[in-house]
Amino acid sequence: MLDHRQGQRSVAFLLGKPPRAGTLLPEIMALLNAADVDTAVHLPHDQPELPDWVAGADLVVHRGLKWSALRSVAQLAEARVPCCNPPAAVALTRKRPALMALLSQAGLPVPLTVAVSDWQEARAAATTLSVIKTAEGADGRGENVLAGTRGDLPGAPPFPGPYVVQPFIANDGWDRKLYVAGARVRSLLKPSPLAHGHVTGGAPIAVDDALSRLAGRVADVTGLEIFGVDFLMGEAGPVIVDVNPFPGFRGVGESPAMITEHLLARLD
């Protein structure tokens, strides 16, 4: 629990699983502690009832929570407890049809997205080369994604629905991802999960002004603070294919410092 020492700032971490040594979150906590910020972890999936000290924190940071636990964070936000990311923004990323519609309405480049309830509808909608994903997003791992046409897609559902169907975006065979923490943006080039499955890490690529503006627009539209933007480089420029809250930042070497800087700014 938090000490609540007089004058000391505090951050409560609500996590879907215990943080492992040598990973992102313990490094962030160590940097916060070095800045005289008290930190503590609670695991809502193991103990659904939030202890009182969580609501007394100056900032609640959450990651990897199921819907039931996310609703508890939403109650904290309603009680004006500062939360990062805002729970409503995280909930949006888990509804791919709504997310893509909102980004499109804001003028951001996204593929046409059709929502269907079952696999046979998804196959029928794939009249040309298409990408089929689960309608519930935010895993950010490329596992529940399949490309094909209705003639070569499997007859049985490869993963549970409901689904979204998007046209395949002609590209150079590489996925790109923006990693955003407040005003800081980094990017990696990765092999496509459609060809290689889930791939951790990647090669750093430069973030130009256009990509920085793209990240800023996604933040403005969704309300996210710490997030990833998966995009392809299509014939007319970048096309956003997914947005996920608080990714693992694997391969982004300065990510603990980036995120800590943003959290300290939230505490000021």
Protein backbone atom coordinates (compact mmCIF):
# COMPACT_ATOMS: atom_id res chain seq x y z
CA MET A 1 0.00 0.00 0.00
CA LEU A 2 1.01 3.65 -0.27
CA ASP A 3 2.70 5.39 2.65
CA HIS A 4 1.00 8.77 2.08
CA ARG A 5 3.96 10.48 3.71
CA GLN A 6 3.33 14.20 4.17
CA GLY A 7 4.05 16.03 0.92
CA GLN A 8 5.03 12.89 -1.01
CA ARG A 9 3.28 12.24 -4.30
CA SER A 10 1.88 8.77 -4.96
CA VAL A 11 0.94 6.53 -7.89
CA ALA A 12 -1.21 3.41 -7.62
CA PHE A 13 -0.70 0.78 -10.34
CA LEU A 14 -3.70 -1.43 -11.12
CA LEU A 15 -2.39 -4.29 -13.25
CA GLY A 16 -3.81 -7.34 -14.96
CA LYS A 17 -0.89 -9.48 -13.82
CA PRO A 18 2.11 -9.10 -11.48
CA PRO A 19 4.95 -7.09 -13.03
CA ARG A 20 7.98 -9.22 -13.86
CA ALA A 21 11.49 -8.11 -12.95
CA GLY A 22 13.35 -6.59 -15.88
CA THR A 23 10.19 -5.50 -17.69
CA LEU A 24 8.76 -2.06 -18.35
CA LEU A 25 6.64 -1.43 -15.26
CA PRO A 26 9.24 -2.20 -12.56
CA GLU A 27 11.63 0.17 -14.33
CA ILE A 28 8.98 2.90 -14.37
CA MET A 29 8.29 2.39 -10.67
CA ALA A 30 11.99 2.57 -9.87
CA LEU A 31 12.31 5.86 -11.76
CA LEU A 32 9.26 7.25 -9.95
CA ASN A 33 10.69 6.18 -6.59
CA ALA A 34 13.96 7.92 -7.49
CA ALA A 35 11.90 11.09 -8.05
CA ASP A 36 10.46 10.70 -4.50
CA VAL A 37 7.13 9.35 -5.73
CA ASP A 38 5.61 6.54 -3.69
CA THR A 39 4.28 3.59 -5.74
CA ALA A 40 2.24 0.49 -4.98
CA VAL A 41 0.61 -2.29 -7.02
CA HIS A 42 -2.84 -3.84 -6.75
CA LEU A 43 -4.06 -6.78 -8.87
CA PRO A 44 -7.83 -6.40 -9.37
CA HIS A 45 -8.18 -9.76 -11.12
CA ASP A 46 -7.03 -11.47 -7.92
CA GLN A 47 -8.70 -9.05 -5.49
CA PRO A 48 -11.63 -7.32 -7.24
CA GLU A 49 -12.43 -4.97 -4.36
CA LEU A 50 -10.12 -1.98 -4.56
CA PRO A 51 -8.46 -1.07 -1.25
CA ASP A 52 -9.05 2.43 0.10
CA TRP A 53 -5.47 3.52 -0.53
CA VAL A 54 -6.02 3.32 -4.30
CA ALA A 55 -8.58 6.15 -4.25
CA GLY A 56 -6.18 8.21 -2.15
CA ALA A 57 -3.40 8.11 -4.76
CA ASP A 58 -2.48 11.24 -6.68
CA LEU A 59 -2.61 9.19 -9.89
CA VAL A 60 -3.92 5.73 -10.81
CA VAL A 61 -2.12 3.98 -13.67
CA HIS A 62 -3.77 0.85 -15.07
CA ARG A 63 -2.81 -1.70 -17.69
CA GLY A 64 -4.13 -5.01 -18.97
CA LEU A 65 -7.42 -5.05 -17.08
CA LYS A 66 -10.51 -7.05 -17.98
CA TRP A 67 -13.85 -5.31 -18.41
CA SER A 68 -14.93 -5.91 -14.80
CA ALA A 69 -11.76 -4.35 -13.40
CA LEU A 70 -11.87 -1.51 -15.93
CA ARG A 71 -15.33 -0.62 -14.63
CA SER A 72 -13.79 -0.16 -11.17
CA VAL A 73 -11.29 2.27 -12.69
CA ALA A 74 -14.19 4.09 -14.36
CA GLN A 75 -15.77 4.53 -10.92
CA LEU A 76 -12.52 6.06 -9.67
CA ALA A 77 -12.50 8.45 -12.62
CA GLU A 78 -16.12 9.40 -11.90
CA ALA A 79 -15.01 10.21 -8.35
CA ARG A 80 -12.40 12.56 -9.88
CA VAL A 81 -9.41 10.33 -9.13
CA PRO A 82 -6.87 11.06 -11.92
CA CYS A 83 -6.40 7.96 -14.10
CA CYS A 84 -3.94 7.16 -16.87
CA ASN A 85 -5.16 6.18 -19.39
CA PRO A 86 -8.69 7.54 -18.99
CA PRO A 87 -10.85 4.39 -18.68
CA ALA A 88 -13.34 5.64 -21.29
CA ALA A 89 -10.48 5.92 -23.80
CA VAL A 90 -9.35 2.36 -23.05
CA ALA A 91 -12.92 1.10 -23.42
CA LEU A 92 -13.09 2.76 -26.85
CA THR A 93 -10.06 0.81 -28.10
CA ARG A 94 -11.83 -2.44 -27.22
CA LYS A 95 -14.66 -1.63 -29.62
CA ARG A 96 -12.96 -1.68 -33.01
CA PRO A 97 -16.02 -0.63 -35.05
CA ALA A 98 -16.60 2.41 -32.83
CA LEU A 99 -12.89 3.24 -32.71
CA MET A 100 -12.47 3.12 -36.49
CA ALA A 101 -15.66 5.12 -37.02
CA LEU A 102 -14.49 7.84 -34.64
CA LEU A 103 -11.05 8.06 -36.26
CA SER A 104 -12.65 8.21 -39.71
CA GLN A 105 -15.07 10.95 -38.66
CA ALA A 106 -12.08 12.94 -37.43
CA GLY A 107 -10.49 12.71 -40.88
CA LEU A 108 -7.77 10.25 -39.91
CA PRO A 109 -6.68 7.63 -42.47
CA VAL A 110 -8.31 4.28 -41.63
CA PRO A 111 -9.59 1.41 -43.79
CA LEU A 112 -13.30 0.92 -44.39
CA THR A 113 -14.45 -1.26 -41.48
CA VAL A 114 -17.51 -3.54 -41.64
CA ALA A 115 -18.76 -5.16 -38.42
CA VAL A 116 -20.34 -8.63 -38.63
CA SER A 117 -21.63 -10.98 -35.96
CA ASP A 118 -20.43 -14.40 -37.13
CA TRP A 119 -17.72 -16.06 -39.21
CA GLN A 120 -19.91 -16.89 -42.20
CA GLU A 121 -20.86 -13.22 -42.51
CA ALA A 122 -17.18 -12.32 -42.31
CA ARG A 123 -16.33 -14.76 -45.11
CA ALA A 124 -19.18 -13.45 -47.24
CA ALA A 125 -17.97 -9.87 -46.79
CA ALA A 126 -14.47 -10.77 -48.00
CA THR A 127 -15.28 -10.45 -51.71
CA THR A 128 -11.75 -9.16 -52.34
CA LEU A 129 -8.56 -9.67 -50.36
CA SER A 130 -9.55 -8.63 -46.84
CA VAL A 131 -8.28 -8.62 -43.27
CA ILE A 132 -10.56 -10.08 -40.60
CA LYS A 133 -10.09 -9.29 -36.91
CA THR A 134 -12.03 -9.68 -33.71
CA ALA A 135 -14.35 -6.74 -33.08
CA GLU A 136 -12.91 -6.42 -29.58
CA GLY A 137 -9.48 -4.90 -29.89
CA ALA A 138 -6.62 -3.82 -27.65
CA ASP A 139 -4.61 -7.02 -27.40
CA GLY A 140 -2.07 -5.51 -29.81
CA ARG A 141 -0.53 -8.91 -30.58
CA GLY A 142 -1.66 -9.72 -34.11
CA GLU A 143 -2.97 -13.12 -32.94
CA ASN A 144 -6.66 -12.81 -33.88
CA VAL A 145 -6.08 -11.52 -37.39
CA LEU A 146 -6.42 -13.36 -40.70
CA ALA A 147 -6.17 -12.24 -44.33
CA GLY A 148 -7.84 -13.82 -47.36
CA THR A 149 -10.88 -13.91 -49.61
CA ARG A 150 -14.07 -15.84 -49.02
CA GLY A 151 -12.81 -18.54 -51.38
CA ASP A 152 -9.70 -19.36 -49.36
CA LEU A 153 -10.71 -18.47 -45.80
CA PRO A 154 -11.38 -21.50 -43.56
CA GLY A 155 -14.94 -22.71 -43.18
CA ALA A 156 -14.71 -22.93 -39.39
CA PRO A 157 -14.06 -19.82 -37.28
CA PRO A 158 -10.30 -19.57 -36.55
CA PHE A 159 -11.02 -17.42 -33.49
CA PRO A 160 -14.18 -16.27 -31.69
CA GLY A 161 -16.29 -13.40 -33.05
CA PRO A 162 -17.86 -10.99 -33.55
CA TYR A 163 -15.59 -9.67 -36.29
CA VAL A 164 -14.61 -6.68 -38.36
CA VAL A 165 -13.71 -6.97 -42.04
CA GLN A 166 -11.37 -4.46 -43.68
CA PRO A 167 -9.92 -4.32 -47.20
CA PHE A 168 -6.30 -5.40 -47.42
CA ILE A 169 -4.11 -2.30 -47.72
CA ALA A 170 -1.42 -2.69 -50.37
CA ASN A 171 1.86 -2.00 -48.62
CA ASP A 172 5.57 -2.79 -48.54
CA GLY A 173 5.14 -5.88 -46.32
CA TRP A 174 6.17 -4.14 -43.13
CA ASP A 175 4.09 -2.97 -40.20
CA ARG A 176 4.92 0.25 -38.43
CA LYS A 177 4.01 1.22 -34.90
CA LEU A 178 4.04 4.53 -33.10
CA TYR A 179 4.68 4.41 -29.36
CA VAL A 180 3.31 7.45 -27.60
CA ALA A 181 3.73 8.72 -24.03
CA GLY A 182 2.32 12.21 -23.72
CA ALA A 183 4.26 14.44 -26.09
CA ARG A 184 6.97 11.84 -26.76
CA VAL A 185 6.66 9.66 -29.86
CA ARG A 186 8.88 6.82 -31.07
CA SER A 187 8.38 4.33 -33.91
CA LEU A 188 9.44 0.82 -34.87
CA LEU A 189 9.40 -1.10 -38.15
CA LYS A 190 8.18 -4.70 -37.73
CA PRO A 191 7.51 -7.75 -39.92
CA SER A 192 3.80 -8.12 -40.65
CA PRO A 193 1.99 -10.43 -38.18
CA LEU A 194 -0.07 -11.68 -41.13
CA ALA A 195 3.10 -13.36 -42.43
CA HIS A 196 5.15 -13.89 -39.29
CA GLY A 197 2.70 -14.04 -36.36
CA HIS A 198 3.28 -12.03 -33.21
CA VAL A 199 6.71 -10.37 -33.34
CA THR A 200 8.29 -8.57 -30.39
CA GLY A 201 10.66 -5.68 -30.93
CA GLY A 202 11.58 -4.13 -34.25
CA ALA A 203 13.93 -1.67 -35.90
CA PRO A 204 13.70 1.99 -34.82
CA ILE A 205 12.61 4.41 -37.55
CA ALA A 206 12.55 8.20 -37.57
CA VAL A 207 9.40 10.02 -36.49
CA ASP A 208 8.90 12.94 -38.87
CA ASP A 209 6.55 15.86 -38.33
CA ALA A 210 3.71 14.12 -40.17
CA LEU A 211 3.89 11.03 -37.94
CA SER A 212 4.17 13.18 -34.84
CA ARG A 213 1.03 15.05 -35.89
CA LEU A 214 -0.72 11.75 -36.57
CA ALA A 215 0.05 10.57 -33.04
CA GLY A 216 -1.19 13.85 -31.63
CA ARG A 217 -4.45 13.62 -33.56
CA VAL A 218 -5.07 10.08 -32.30
CA ALA A 219 -4.48 11.30 -28.74
CA ASP A 220 -6.88 14.20 -29.24
CA VAL A 221 -9.61 12.04 -30.75
CA THR A 222 -9.40 9.08 -28.36
CA GLY A 223 -8.26 10.74 -25.13
CA LEU A 224 -5.39 8.26 -24.75
CA GLU A 225 -2.11 9.34 -23.13
CA ILE A 226 0.09 6.24 -23.33
CA PHE A 227 -0.69 4.16 -26.41
CA GLY A 228 0.42 2.50 -29.62
CA VAL A 229 -0.73 3.16 -33.19
CA ASP A 230 -0.33 0.34 -35.70
CA PHE A 231 -0.16 1.65 -39.24
CA LEU A 232 0.76 0.58 -42.75
CA MET A 233 2.44 2.71 -45.36
CA GLY A 234 -0.10 2.62 -48.17
CA GLU A 235 0.15 4.16 -51.61
CA ALA A 236 -1.21 7.50 -50.35
CA GLY A 237 0.62 7.51 -47.02
CA PRO A 238 0.08 6.03 -43.56
CA VAL A 239 -3.13 4.11 -42.82
CA ILE A 240 -4.06 3.40 -39.20
CA VAL A 241 -5.11 -0.23 -38.68
CA ASP A 242 -5.27 -0.37 -34.87
CA VAL A 243 -4.78 1.61 -31.67
CA ASN A 244 -3.97 -0.03 -28.35
CA PRO A 245 -3.56 1.45 -24.87
CA PHE A 246 -0.29 1.12 -22.95
CA PRO A 247 1.56 -1.40 -25.16
CA GLY A 248 4.71 -3.16 -23.98
CA PHE A 249 7.09 -0.71 -25.72
CA ARG A 250 9.41 -3.64 -26.52
CA GLY A 251 12.36 -2.44 -28.55
CA VAL A 252 11.87 1.20 -27.53
CA GLY A 253 14.97 1.60 -25.40
CA GLU A 254 14.09 4.86 -23.67
CA SER A 255 10.48 3.89 -22.98
CA PRO A 256 10.72 3.76 -19.15
CA ALA A 257 12.05 7.33 -19.12
CA MET A 258 9.43 8.46 -21.68
CA ILE A 259 6.55 7.10 -19.65
CA THR A 260 7.94 8.26 -16.31
CA GLU A 261 8.35 11.77 -17.70
CA HIS A 262 4.68 11.79 -18.68
CA LEU A 263 3.52 10.44 -15.32
CA LEU A 264 5.58 13.04 -13.45
CA ALA A 265 4.00 15.73 -15.61
CA ARG A 266 0.56 14.39 -14.64
CA LEU A 267 1.54 14.70 -10.98
CA ASP A 268 2.62 18.34 -11.28
